[in-house]
């Protein structure tokens, strides 16, 4: 049985063959130094991991730390949005999701 992938899933069919049926691991979009994932089951679980750019030691210089902070905020907003809309909503790009999240956020003057 093939998984029903959300539109943002970049996991190949060959990679999905290693997943347990009913517990598909979807790789989502990358945000700079972070990769997003979702374990799709009765209650989907979203996570993020550091990309290969960070290296084995995991040491970051000051520029990478700034980039990671920005990337982490983008990932958190994306995961919040995906959690609210579920895995089956079609047709929205990551850019559209981030714009919607920014539009809904409260801003002070």
C-alpha atoms as a PDB file:
ATOM      1  CA  UNK A   1       0.000   0.000   0.000  1.00  0.00           C
ATOM      2  CA  UNK A   2       1.412   3.369  -1.051  1.00  0.00           C
ATOM      3  CA  UNK A   3       1.282   6.262   1.406  1.00  0.00           C
ATOM      4  CA  UNK A   4      -0.922   9.243   0.763  1.00  0.00           C
ATOM      5  CA  UNK A   5       1.688  11.990   0.751  1.00  0.00           C
ATOM      6  CA  UNK A   6       0.993  15.623   1.539  1.00  0.00           C
ATOM      7  CA  UNK A   7       1.890  17.987  -1.324  1.00  0.00           C
ATOM      8  CA  UNK A   8       5.119  19.088   0.360  1.00  0.00           C
ATOM      9  CA  UNK A   9       6.534  15.562   0.809  1.00  0.00           C
ATOM     10  CA  UNK A  10       9.843  15.085  -1.013  1.00  0.00           C
ATOM     11  CA  UNK A  11      10.351  11.472   0.078  1.00  0.00           C
ATOM     12  CA  UNK A  12      10.646   9.186  -2.934  1.00  0.00           C
ATOM     13  CA  UNK A  13       8.526   6.082  -3.403  1.00  0.00           C
ATOM     14  CA  UNK A  14      11.694   3.994  -3.004  1.00  0.00           C
ATOM     15  CA  UNK A  15      12.411   5.626   0.356  1.00  0.00           C
ATOM     16  CA  UNK A  16       8.805   5.112   1.470  1.00  0.00           C
ATOM     17  CA  UNK A  17       9.232   1.365   0.844  1.00  0.00           C
ATOM     18  CA  UNK A  18      11.295   1.211   4.055  1.00  0.00           C
ATOM     19  CA  UNK A  19       8.495   2.774   6.126  1.00  0.00           C
ATOM     20  CA  UNK A  20       6.049   0.705   8.135  1.00  0.00           C
ATOM     21  CA  UNK A  21       2.561   0.689   6.621  1.00  0.00           C
ATOM     22  CA  UNK A  22       0.400   3.206   8.397  1.00  0.00           C
ATOM     23  CA  UNK A  23       3.428   5.064   9.801  1.00  0.00           C
ATOM     24  CA  UNK A  24       4.926   6.918   6.849  1.00  0.00           C
ATOM     25  CA  UNK A  25       7.912   9.204   7.329  1.00  0.00           C
ATOM     26  CA  UNK A  26       7.506  12.248   5.067  1.00  0.00           C
ATOM     27  CA  UNK A  27      10.424  14.592   4.493  1.00  0.00           C
ATOM     28  CA  UNK A  28       9.161  18.123   4.157  1.00  0.00           C
ATOM     29  CA  UNK A  29      10.703  21.344   2.966  1.00  0.00           C
ATOM     30  CA  UNK A  30      14.117  22.503   4.085  1.00  0.00           C
ATOM     31  CA  UNK A  31      14.591  25.809   5.809  1.00  0.00           C
ATOM     32  CA  UNK A  32      18.253  26.721   5.504  1.00  0.00           C
ATOM     33  CA  UNK A  33      20.051  24.697   8.164  1.00  0.00           C
ATOM     34  CA  UNK A  34      16.945  22.684   9.101  1.00  0.00           C
ATOM     35  CA  UNK A  35      15.099  19.793   7.474  1.00  0.00           C
ATOM     36  CA  UNK A  36      11.484  19.069   8.369  1.00  0.00           C
ATOM     37  CA  UNK A  37       9.913  15.660   8.863  1.00  0.00           C
ATOM     38  CA  UNK A  38       6.510  14.221   9.690  1.00  0.00           C
ATOM     39  CA  UNK A  39       5.773  10.764  11.031  1.00  0.00           C
ATOM     40  CA  UNK A  40       2.274  10.217   9.669  1.00  0.00           C
ATOM     41  CA  UNK A  41       0.221   7.984  11.906  1.00  0.00           C
ATOM     42  CA  UNK A  42      -2.970   8.271  13.957  1.00  0.00           C
ATOM     43  CA  UNK A  43      -1.595  11.593  15.242  1.00  0.00           C
ATOM     44  CA  UNK A  44       1.072  13.041  12.920  1.00  0.00           C
ATOM     45  CA  UNK A  45       4.300  14.120  14.636  1.00  0.00           C
ATOM     46  CA  UNK A  46       6.342  16.938  13.076  1.00  0.00           C
ATOM     47  CA  UNK A  47      10.043  17.401  13.813  1.00  0.00           C
ATOM     48  CA  UNK A  48      13.084  19.189  12.436  1.00  0.00           C
ATOM     49  CA  UNK A  49      16.713  18.118  12.223  1.00  0.00           C
ATOM     50  CA  UNK A  50      19.923  19.944  11.378  1.00  0.00           C
ATOM     51  CA  UNK A  51      20.973  19.597   7.757  1.00  0.00           C
ATOM     52  CA  UNK A  52      24.254  18.149   6.603  1.00  0.00           C
ATOM     53  CA  UNK A  53      25.688  21.695   6.294  1.00  0.00           C
ATOM     54  CA  UNK A  54      26.236  21.812  10.060  1.00  0.00           C
ATOM     55  CA  UNK A  55      28.622  18.848   9.980  1.00  0.00           C
ATOM     56  CA  UNK A  56      29.292  16.085  12.453  1.00  0.00           C
ATOM     57  CA  UNK A  57      30.636  18.296  15.234  1.00  0.00           C
ATOM     58  CA  UNK A  58      27.530  20.487  15.194  1.00  0.00           C
ATOM     59  CA  UNK A  59      29.622  23.592  15.787  1.00  0.00           C
ATOM     60  CA  UNK A  60      28.187  26.854  14.464  1.00  0.00           C
ATOM     61  CA  UNK A  61      29.838  30.198  13.951  1.00  0.00           C
ATOM     62  CA  UNK A  62      27.973  33.427  14.738  1.00  0.00           C
ATOM     63  CA  UNK A  63      26.577  33.805  11.198  1.00  0.00           C
ATOM     64  CA  UNK A  64      25.290  30.234  11.231  1.00  0.00           C
ATOM     65  CA  UNK A  65      23.695  30.844  14.645  1.00  0.00           C
ATOM     66  CA  UNK A  66      21.808  33.855  13.278  1.00  0.00           C
ATOM     67  CA  UNK A  67      20.727  31.833  10.257  1.00  0.00           C
ATOM     68  CA  UNK A  68      19.662  28.939  12.492  1.00  0.00           C
ATOM     69  CA  UNK A  69      17.535  31.277  14.638  1.00  0.00           C
ATOM     70  CA  UNK A  70      15.718  32.592  11.559  1.00  0.00           C
ATOM     71  CA  UNK A  71      15.344  29.098  10.097  1.00  0.00           C
ATOM     72  CA  UNK A  72      14.004  27.753  13.404  1.00  0.00           C
ATOM     73  CA  UNK A  73      11.294  30.428  13.551  1.00  0.00           C
ATOM     74  CA  UNK A  74      10.278  29.666   9.961  1.00  0.00           C
ATOM     75  CA  UNK A  75      10.132  25.929  10.733  1.00  0.00           C
ATOM     76  CA  UNK A  76       8.086  26.485  13.887  1.00  0.00           C
ATOM     77  CA  UNK A  77       5.533  28.592  12.000  1.00  0.00           C
ATOM     78  CA  UNK A  78       5.373  26.038   9.183  1.00  0.00           C
ATOM     79  CA  UNK A  79       4.871  23.139  11.611  1.00  0.00           C
ATOM     80  CA  UNK A  80       2.172  25.091  13.481  1.00  0.00           C
ATOM     81  CA  UNK A  81       0.375  25.729  10.201  1.00  0.00           C
ATOM     82  CA  UNK A  82       0.649  22.106   9.049  1.00  0.00           C
ATOM     83  CA  UNK A  83      -0.625  20.886  12.404  1.00  0.00           C
ATOM     84  CA  UNK A  84      -3.675  23.159  12.107  1.00  0.00           C
ATOM     85  CA  UNK A  85      -4.546  22.292   8.515  1.00  0.00           C
ATOM     86  CA  UNK A  86      -3.660  18.606   8.610  1.00  0.00           C
ATOM     87  CA  UNK A  87      -1.697  16.575   6.087  1.00  0.00           C
ATOM     88  CA  UNK A  88      -4.239  16.566   3.290  1.00  0.00           C
ATOM     89  CA  UNK A  89      -4.606  20.267   2.388  1.00  0.00           C
ATOM     90  CA  UNK A  90      -3.513  20.755  -1.204  1.00  0.00           C
ATOM     91  CA  UNK A  91      -2.250  23.641  -3.250  1.00  0.00           C
ATOM     92  CA  UNK A  92      -0.383  25.911  -0.846  1.00  0.00           C
ATOM     93  CA  UNK A  93       3.311  26.548  -1.119  1.00  0.00           C
ATOM     94  CA  UNK A  94       5.564  27.126   1.868  1.00  0.00           C
ATOM     95  CA  UNK A  95       5.784  30.793   0.885  1.00  0.00           C
ATOM     96  CA  UNK A  96       1.981  31.100   1.009  1.00  0.00           C
ATOM     97  CA  UNK A  97       1.860  29.363   4.392  1.00  0.00           C
ATOM     98  CA  UNK A  98       4.509  31.684   5.857  1.00  0.00           C
ATOM     99  CA  UNK A  99       2.734  34.760   4.455  1.00  0.00           C
ATOM    100  CA  UNK A 100      -0.538  33.610   6.018  1.00  0.00           C
ATOM    101  CA  UNK A 101       1.172  33.058   9.369  1.00  0.00           C
ATOM    102  CA  UNK A 102       2.721  36.535   9.247  1.00  0.00           C
ATOM    103  CA  UNK A 103      -0.619  38.093   8.279  1.00  0.00           C
ATOM    104  CA  UNK A 104      -2.343  36.487  11.272  1.00  0.00           C
ATOM    105  CA  UNK A 105       0.354  37.396  13.773  1.00  0.00           C
ATOM    106  CA  UNK A 106      -0.229  40.433  15.948  1.00  0.00           C
ATOM    107  CA  UNK A 107       2.123  43.308  15.306  1.00  0.00           C
ATOM    108  CA  UNK A 108       2.764  46.341  17.464  1.00  0.00           C
ATOM    109  CA  UNK A 109       3.447  49.754  15.971  1.00  0.00           C
END
